[in-house]
């Protein structure tokens, strides 16, 4: 809390006391806001990997929420806590027009996008497909268009394609939209609207308790 002449910082014990006071007076409101926040975070976790391929699993599992209580507000904050050191361009020694690449811890979950409509992936081959591709390679000295190999030499130094994959349409192809916006931001207003009647009644009960 601050004004032009003084600043007061709430320590952890005082903050806990404020939180408990808010819960005592407005517990019903806190519960509903917490339920909305949890539903948004949980829904995003559940549907994250129906939209994108799983890799580390961090970007989807890091969807969560926290409550922020004060004497004048009850806030549920849905957030993504996945971080990674990613490259950025920053000014080099303040020189105009001069930049350098640095790595900064970045909350990357907010930037995950669904694949675009023309997204392609490379898929491994089964035994029959691999046999056909090897026959083609032996006859032509190259792989057919749309196939790639992880390496063109085995561990014994023999020239042959290793780890062959076939290019195919991504089964998760979509519209390329930002996943955080689709699964959290776009759902926030409908989720709140669906509980407006409950919130109104809860706030009225809190007002009645406060006035006693």
C-alpha atoms as a PDB file:
ATOM      1  CA  UNK A   1       0.000   0.000   0.000  1.00  0.00           C
ATOM      2  CA  UNK A   2       1.431   3.367  -0.885  1.00  0.00           C
ATOM      3  CA  UNK A   3       0.718   7.073  -1.123  1.00  0.00           C
ATOM      4  CA  UNK A   4       2.893  10.129  -1.713  1.00  0.00           C
ATOM      5  CA  UNK A   5       4.378  10.130   1.775  1.00  0.00           C
ATOM      6  CA  UNK A   6       4.498   6.544   3.053  1.00  0.00           C
ATOM      7  CA  UNK A   7       4.761   2.925   1.949  1.00  0.00           C
ATOM      8  CA  UNK A   8       3.670  -0.092   3.976  1.00  0.00           C
ATOM      9  CA  UNK A   9       4.566  -3.636   2.934  1.00  0.00           C
ATOM     10  CA  UNK A  10       2.494  -6.531   4.222  1.00  0.00           C
ATOM     11  CA  UNK A  11       4.698  -9.267   5.688  1.00  0.00           C
ATOM     12  CA  UNK A  12       3.749 -12.946   5.268  1.00  0.00           C
ATOM     13  CA  UNK A  13       2.030 -13.203   8.656  1.00  0.00           C
ATOM     14  CA  UNK A  14      -0.048 -10.062   8.126  1.00  0.00           C
ATOM     15  CA  UNK A  15      -0.882 -11.177   4.588  1.00  0.00           C
ATOM     16  CA  UNK A  16      -2.115 -14.514   5.913  1.00  0.00           C
ATOM     17  CA  UNK A  17      -4.267 -12.665   8.433  1.00  0.00           C
ATOM     18  CA  UNK A  18      -5.769 -10.514   5.662  1.00  0.00           C
ATOM     19  CA  UNK A  19      -6.402 -13.640   3.554  1.00  0.00           C
ATOM     20  CA  UNK A  20      -8.173 -15.326   6.461  1.00  0.00           C
ATOM     21  CA  UNK A  21     -10.269 -12.225   7.171  1.00  0.00           C
ATOM     22  CA  UNK A  22     -11.382 -12.085   3.543  1.00  0.00           C
ATOM     23  CA  UNK A  23     -12.227 -15.793   3.632  1.00  0.00           C
ATOM     24  CA  UNK A  24     -14.204 -15.358   6.856  1.00  0.00           C
ATOM     25  CA  UNK A  25     -16.257 -12.485   5.444  1.00  0.00           C
ATOM     26  CA  UNK A  26     -16.429 -13.466   1.778  1.00  0.00           C
ATOM     27  CA  UNK A  27     -15.769 -17.194   1.843  1.00  0.00           C
ATOM     28  CA  UNK A  28     -18.560 -18.008  -0.624  1.00  0.00           C
ATOM     29  CA  UNK A  29     -17.174 -15.509  -3.138  1.00  0.00           C
ATOM     30  CA  UNK A  30     -13.643 -16.869  -2.723  1.00  0.00           C
ATOM     31  CA  UNK A  31     -14.876 -20.429  -3.272  1.00  0.00           C
ATOM     32  CA  UNK A  32     -16.693 -19.582  -6.520  1.00  0.00           C
ATOM     33  CA  UNK A  33     -13.787 -17.546  -7.922  1.00  0.00           C
ATOM     34  CA  UNK A  34     -11.456 -20.416  -7.021  1.00  0.00           C
ATOM     35  CA  UNK A  35     -13.731 -22.939  -8.746  1.00  0.00           C
ATOM     36  CA  UNK A  36     -13.808 -20.824 -11.935  1.00  0.00           C
ATOM     37  CA  UNK A  37     -10.016 -20.464 -11.901  1.00  0.00           C
ATOM     38  CA  UNK A  38      -9.474 -24.168 -11.280  1.00  0.00           C
ATOM     39  CA  UNK A  39     -11.883 -25.131 -14.079  1.00  0.00           C
ATOM     40  CA  UNK A  40     -10.031 -22.892 -16.554  1.00  0.00           C
ATOM     41  CA  UNK A  41      -6.598 -24.218 -15.574  1.00  0.00           C
ATOM     42  CA  UNK A  42      -7.739 -27.840 -15.471  1.00  0.00           C
ATOM     43  CA  UNK A  43      -9.541 -27.551 -18.810  1.00  0.00           C
ATOM     44  CA  UNK A  44      -6.436 -26.103 -20.432  1.00  0.00           C
ATOM     45  CA  UNK A  45      -4.308 -28.957 -19.037  1.00  0.00           C
ATOM     46  CA  UNK A  46      -6.759 -31.601 -20.257  1.00  0.00           C
ATOM     47  CA  UNK A  47      -7.025 -30.244 -23.798  1.00  0.00           C
ATOM     48  CA  UNK A  48      -3.505 -28.913 -24.348  1.00  0.00           C
ATOM     49  CA  UNK A  49      -2.140 -32.078 -25.945  1.00  0.00           C
ATOM     50  CA  UNK A  50      -5.235 -32.684 -28.018  1.00  0.00           C
ATOM     51  CA  UNK A  51      -4.053 -29.611 -29.934  1.00  0.00           C
ATOM     52  CA  UNK A  52      -0.263 -30.049 -30.040  1.00  0.00           C
ATOM     53  CA  UNK A  53       2.169 -32.973 -29.930  1.00  0.00           C
ATOM     54  CA  UNK A  54       3.620 -33.796 -26.528  1.00  0.00           C
ATOM     55  CA  UNK A  55       7.345 -33.283 -26.130  1.00  0.00           C
ATOM     56  CA  UNK A  56       8.584 -32.443 -22.648  1.00  0.00           C
ATOM     57  CA  UNK A  57       5.012 -32.193 -21.316  1.00  0.00           C
ATOM     58  CA  UNK A  58       5.888 -29.020 -19.399  1.00  0.00           C
ATOM     59  CA  UNK A  59       3.924 -26.445 -21.376  1.00  0.00           C
ATOM     60  CA  UNK A  60       0.558 -28.126 -20.784  1.00  0.00           C
ATOM     61  CA  UNK A  61       1.075 -29.447 -17.259  1.00  0.00           C
ATOM     62  CA  UNK A  62       2.215 -25.989 -16.121  1.00  0.00           C
ATOM     63  CA  UNK A  63      -1.272 -24.494 -16.485  1.00  0.00           C
ATOM     64  CA  UNK A  64      -2.357 -23.649 -12.937  1.00  0.00           C
ATOM     65  CA  UNK A  65      -3.995 -20.935 -10.839  1.00  0.00           C
ATOM     66  CA  UNK A  66      -3.407 -18.980  -7.632  1.00  0.00           C
ATOM     67  CA  UNK A  67      -5.663 -16.869  -5.457  1.00  0.00           C
ATOM     68  CA  UNK A  68      -4.895 -13.236  -4.639  1.00  0.00           C
ATOM     69  CA  UNK A  69      -6.912 -11.808  -1.761  1.00  0.00           C
ATOM     70  CA  UNK A  70      -6.948  -8.283  -0.367  1.00  0.00           C
ATOM     71  CA  UNK A  71      -9.314  -6.154   1.660  1.00  0.00           C
ATOM     72  CA  UNK A  72     -10.988  -4.910  -1.526  1.00  0.00           C
ATOM     73  CA  UNK A  73     -10.709  -7.719  -4.067  1.00  0.00           C
ATOM     74  CA  UNK A  74     -10.795 -11.452  -4.647  1.00  0.00           C
ATOM     75  CA  UNK A  75      -8.822 -12.512  -7.721  1.00  0.00           C
ATOM     76  CA  UNK A  76      -8.190 -15.894  -9.271  1.00  0.00           C
ATOM     77  CA  UNK A  77      -5.126 -15.765 -11.518  1.00  0.00           C
ATOM     78  CA  UNK A  78      -4.744 -18.500 -14.127  1.00  0.00           C
ATOM     79  CA  UNK A  79      -1.171 -18.752 -15.390  1.00  0.00           C
ATOM     80  CA  UNK A  80       1.352 -20.974 -17.138  1.00  0.00           C
ATOM     81  CA  UNK A  81       4.554 -21.571 -15.200  1.00  0.00           C
ATOM     82  CA  UNK A  82       6.608 -23.349 -17.880  1.00  0.00           C
ATOM     83  CA  UNK A  83       9.927 -21.548 -18.425  1.00  0.00           C
ATOM     84  CA  UNK A  84      12.902 -22.133 -20.691  1.00  0.00           C
ATOM     85  CA  UNK A  85      16.064 -20.265 -21.664  1.00  0.00           C
ATOM     86  CA  UNK A  86      15.234 -18.899 -25.119  1.00  0.00           C
ATOM     87  CA  UNK A  87      17.274 -16.594 -27.382  1.00  0.00           C
ATOM     88  CA  UNK A  88      16.480 -12.896 -27.651  1.00  0.00           C
ATOM     89  CA  UNK A  89      18.053  -9.990 -29.489  1.00  0.00           C
ATOM     90  CA  UNK A  90      19.208  -7.160 -27.218  1.00  0.00           C
ATOM     91  CA  UNK A  91      21.197  -3.967 -27.783  1.00  0.00           C
ATOM     92  CA  UNK A  92      24.939  -4.511 -27.622  1.00  0.00           C
ATOM     93  CA  UNK A  93      26.707  -2.054 -25.268  1.00  0.00           C
ATOM     94  CA  UNK A  94      24.006   0.504 -26.022  1.00  0.00           C
ATOM     95  CA  UNK A  95      25.332   1.045 -29.540  1.00  0.00           C
ATOM     96  CA  UNK A  96      22.572   2.160 -31.941  1.00  0.00           C
ATOM     97  CA  UNK A  97      21.615  -0.552 -34.417  1.00  0.00           C
ATOM     98  CA  UNK A  98      23.934  -3.102 -32.778  1.00  0.00           C
ATOM     99  CA  UNK A  99      22.374  -6.198 -31.195  1.00  0.00           C
ATOM    100  CA  UNK A 100      23.574  -9.469 -29.741  1.00  0.00           C
ATOM    101  CA  UNK A 101      21.835 -12.766 -29.027  1.00  0.00           C
ATOM    102  CA  UNK A 102      21.339 -13.563 -25.339  1.00  0.00           C
ATOM    103  CA  UNK A 103      19.411 -16.289 -23.563  1.00  0.00           C
ATOM    104  CA  UNK A 104      16.760 -15.269 -21.035  1.00  0.00           C
ATOM    105  CA  UNK A 105      14.374 -17.354 -18.949  1.00  0.00           C
ATOM    106  CA  UNK A 106      11.065 -17.080 -20.802  1.00  0.00           C
ATOM    107  CA  UNK A 107       7.541 -18.216 -19.908  1.00  0.00           C
ATOM    108  CA  UNK A 108       7.145 -20.004 -23.224  1.00  0.00           C
ATOM    109  CA  UNK A 109       3.797 -21.710 -22.549  1.00  0.00           C
ATOM    110  CA  UNK A 110       1.967 -18.513 -23.518  1.00  0.00           C
ATOM    111  CA  UNK A 111       3.373 -18.704 -27.055  1.00  0.00           C
ATOM    112  CA  UNK A 112       2.522 -22.314 -27.953  1.00  0.00           C
ATOM    113  CA  UNK A 113       0.415 -22.461 -31.119  1.00  0.00           C
ATOM    114  CA  UNK A 114      -1.777 -25.085 -32.701  1.00  0.00           C
ATOM    115  CA  UNK A 115      -0.360 -26.455 -35.964  1.00  0.00           C
ATOM    116  CA  UNK A 116      -1.439 -24.616 -39.106  1.00  0.00           C
ATOM    117  CA  UNK A 117      -3.760 -26.082 -41.766  1.00  0.00           C
ATOM    118  CA  UNK A 118      -0.839 -27.287 -43.923  1.00  0.00           C
ATOM    119  CA  UNK A 119       1.296 -28.642 -41.063  1.00  0.00           C
ATOM    120  CA  UNK A 120       3.391 -31.700 -41.916  1.00  0.00           C
ATOM    121  CA  UNK A 121       5.209 -34.232 -39.743  1.00  0.00           C
ATOM    122  CA  UNK A 122       7.634 -37.083 -40.405  1.00  0.00           C
ATOM    123  CA  UNK A 123       6.429 -40.492 -39.273  1.00  0.00           C
ATOM    124  CA  UNK A 124       8.495 -43.653 -38.769  1.00  0.00           C
ATOM    125  CA  UNK A 125       8.017 -46.663 -41.054  1.00  0.00           C
ATOM    126  CA  UNK A 126       6.803 -50.131 -40.239  1.00  0.00           C
ATOM    127  CA  UNK A 127       8.835 -53.190 -41.342  1.00  0.00           C
ATOM    128  CA  UNK A 128       7.035 -53.606 -44.680  1.00  0.00           C
ATOM    129  CA  UNK A 129       7.375 -49.919 -45.621  1.00  0.00           C
ATOM    130  CA  UNK A 130      11.043 -49.917 -44.625  1.00  0.00           C
ATOM    131  CA  UNK A 131      11.709 -52.972 -46.813  1.00  0.00           C
ATOM    132  CA  UNK A 132      10.074 -51.259 -49.802  1.00  0.00           C
ATOM    133  CA  UNK A 133      12.057 -48.063 -49.270  1.00  0.00           C
ATOM    134  CA  UNK A 134      15.342 -49.981 -48.988  1.00  0.00           C
ATOM    135  CA  UNK A 135      14.573 -51.765 -52.254  1.00  0.00           C
ATOM    136  CA  UNK A 136      13.925 -48.388 -53.896  1.00  0.00           C
ATOM    137  CA  UNK A 137      17.166 -46.965 -52.493  1.00  0.00           C
ATOM    138  CA  UNK A 138      19.221 -49.954 -53.671  1.00  0.00           C
ATOM    139  CA  UNK A 139      17.772 -49.573 -57.165  1.00  0.00           C
ATOM    140  CA  UNK A 140      18.022 -45.760 -57.393  1.00  0.00           C
ATOM    141  CA  UNK A 141      20.703 -44.723 -54.922  1.00  0.00           C
ATOM    142  CA  UNK A 142      18.350 -42.194 -53.322  1.00  0.00           C
ATOM    143  CA  UNK A 143      15.209 -42.070 -51.244  1.00  0.00           C
ATOM    144  CA  UNK A 144      11.830 -41.267 -52.845  1.00  0.00           C
ATOM    145  CA  UNK A 145      10.513 -37.726 -52.516  1.00  0.00           C
ATOM    146  CA  UNK A 146       8.873 -37.135 -49.136  1.00  0.00           C
ATOM    147  CA  UNK A 147      11.215 -39.442 -47.203  1.00  0.00           C
ATOM    148  CA  UNK A 148      14.186 -38.473 -45.046  1.00  0.00           C
ATOM    149  CA  UNK A 149      16.836 -40.441 -43.158  1.00  0.00           C
ATOM    150  CA  UNK A 150      18.307 -39.593 -39.782  1.00  0.00           C
ATOM    151  CA  UNK A 151      21.700 -40.603 -41.177  1.00  0.00           C
ATOM    152  CA  UNK A 152      23.129 -41.996 -44.421  1.00  0.00           C
ATOM    153  CA  UNK A 153      25.821 -44.101 -42.792  1.00  0.00           C
ATOM    154  CA  UNK A 154      25.548 -46.847 -40.181  1.00  0.00           C
ATOM    155  CA  UNK A 155      27.846 -47.432 -37.200  1.00  0.00           C
ATOM    156  CA  UNK A 156      30.137 -49.645 -39.331  1.00  0.00           C
ATOM    157  CA  UNK A 157      30.649 -46.895 -41.884  1.00  0.00           C
ATOM    158  CA  UNK A 158      28.451 -48.499 -44.541  1.00  0.00           C
ATOM    159  CA  UNK A 159      26.479 -46.108 -46.727  1.00  0.00           C
ATOM    160  CA  UNK A 160      22.756 -46.727 -46.275  1.00  0.00           C
ATOM    161  CA  UNK A 161      19.775 -44.779 -44.922  1.00  0.00           C
ATOM    162  CA  UNK A 162      19.227 -45.098 -41.177  1.00  0.00           C
ATOM    163  CA  UNK A 163      16.045 -44.038 -39.337  1.00  0.00           C
ATOM    164  CA  UNK A 164      13.914 -43.366 -42.423  1.00  0.00           C
ATOM    165  CA  UNK A 165      10.707 -41.338 -41.931  1.00  0.00           C
ATOM    166  CA  UNK A 166       7.874 -40.432 -44.257  1.00  0.00           C
ATOM    167  CA  UNK A 167       6.429 -36.930 -44.569  1.00  0.00           C
ATOM    168  CA  UNK A 168       2.689 -36.916 -43.908  1.00  0.00           C
ATOM    169  CA  UNK A 169      -0.109 -34.546 -42.953  1.00  0.00           C
ATOM    170  CA  UNK A 170      -0.101 -33.622 -39.266  1.00  0.00           C
ATOM    171  CA  UNK A 171      -3.211 -35.275 -37.737  1.00  0.00           C
ATOM    172  CA  UNK A 172      -3.422 -32.322 -35.319  1.00  0.00           C
ATOM    173  CA  UNK A 173      -3.487 -29.704 -38.087  1.00  0.00           C
ATOM    174  CA  UNK A 174      -5.687 -26.752 -37.143  1.00  0.00           C
ATOM    175  CA  UNK A 175      -5.678 -22.983 -37.612  1.00  0.00           C
ATOM    176  CA  UNK A 176      -2.330 -22.055 -36.063  1.00  0.00           C
ATOM    177  CA  UNK A 177      -3.978 -20.039 -33.284  1.00  0.00           C
ATOM    178  CA  UNK A 178      -2.339 -19.295 -29.932  1.00  0.00           C
ATOM    179  CA  UNK A 179      -3.247 -22.128 -27.558  1.00  0.00           C
ATOM    180  CA  UNK A 180      -3.335 -19.955 -24.421  1.00  0.00           C
ATOM    181  CA  UNK A 181      -5.868 -17.638 -26.063  1.00  0.00           C
ATOM    182  CA  UNK A 182      -8.036 -20.503 -27.325  1.00  0.00           C
ATOM    183  CA  UNK A 183      -8.097 -22.586 -24.125  1.00  0.00           C
ATOM    184  CA  UNK A 184      -7.921 -19.876 -21.435  1.00  0.00           C
ATOM    185  CA  UNK A 185      -8.560 -16.306 -22.569  1.00  0.00           C
ATOM    186  CA  UNK A 186     -11.469 -17.101 -24.888  1.00  0.00           C
ATOM    187  CA  UNK A 187     -13.102 -19.242 -22.192  1.00  0.00           C
ATOM    188  CA  UNK A 188     -12.719 -16.760 -19.342  1.00  0.00           C
ATOM    189  CA  UNK A 189     -15.806 -14.617 -20.001  1.00  0.00           C
ATOM    190  CA  UNK A 190     -18.203 -17.555 -20.641  1.00  0.00           C
ATOM    191  CA  UNK A 191     -16.936 -19.263 -17.467  1.00  0.00           C
ATOM    192  CA  UNK A 192     -17.582 -16.131 -15.399  1.00  0.00           C
ATOM    193  CA  UNK A 193     -20.942 -15.447 -17.056  1.00  0.00           C
ATOM    194  CA  UNK A 194     -22.101 -18.973 -16.196  1.00  0.00           C
ATOM    195  CA  UNK A 195     -21.514 -18.272 -12.481  1.00  0.00           C
ATOM    196  CA  UNK A 196     -22.808 -14.681 -12.302  1.00  0.00           C
ATOM    197  CA  UNK A 197     -25.982 -15.657 -10.458  1.00  0.00           C
ATOM    198  CA  UNK A 198     -23.974 -17.673  -7.909  1.00  0.00           C
ATOM    199  CA  UNK A 199     -21.514 -14.798  -7.493  1.00  0.00           C
ATOM    200  CA  UNK A 200     -24.301 -12.284  -6.972  1.00  0.00           C
ATOM    201  CA  UNK A 201     -25.879 -14.400  -4.223  1.00  0.00           C
ATOM    202  CA  UNK A 202     -22.490 -15.048  -2.605  1.00  0.00           C
ATOM    203  CA  UNK A 203     -21.669 -11.319  -2.541  1.00  0.00           C
ATOM    204  CA  UNK A 204     -25.047 -10.588  -0.989  1.00  0.00           C
ATOM    205  CA  UNK A 205     -24.403 -13.149   1.750  1.00  0.00           C
ATOM    206  CA  UNK A 206     -20.969 -11.618   2.361  1.00  0.00           C
ATOM    207  CA  UNK A 207     -22.517  -8.136   2.587  1.00  0.00           C
ATOM    208  CA  UNK A 208     -25.062  -9.401   5.115  1.00  0.00           C
ATOM    209  CA  UNK A 209     -22.320 -10.938   7.267  1.00  0.00           C
ATOM    210  CA  UNK A 210     -20.208  -7.791   7.064  1.00  0.00           C
ATOM    211  CA  UNK A 211     -23.102  -5.566   8.142  1.00  0.00           C
ATOM    212  CA  UNK A 212     -23.829  -7.560  11.301  1.00  0.00           C
END
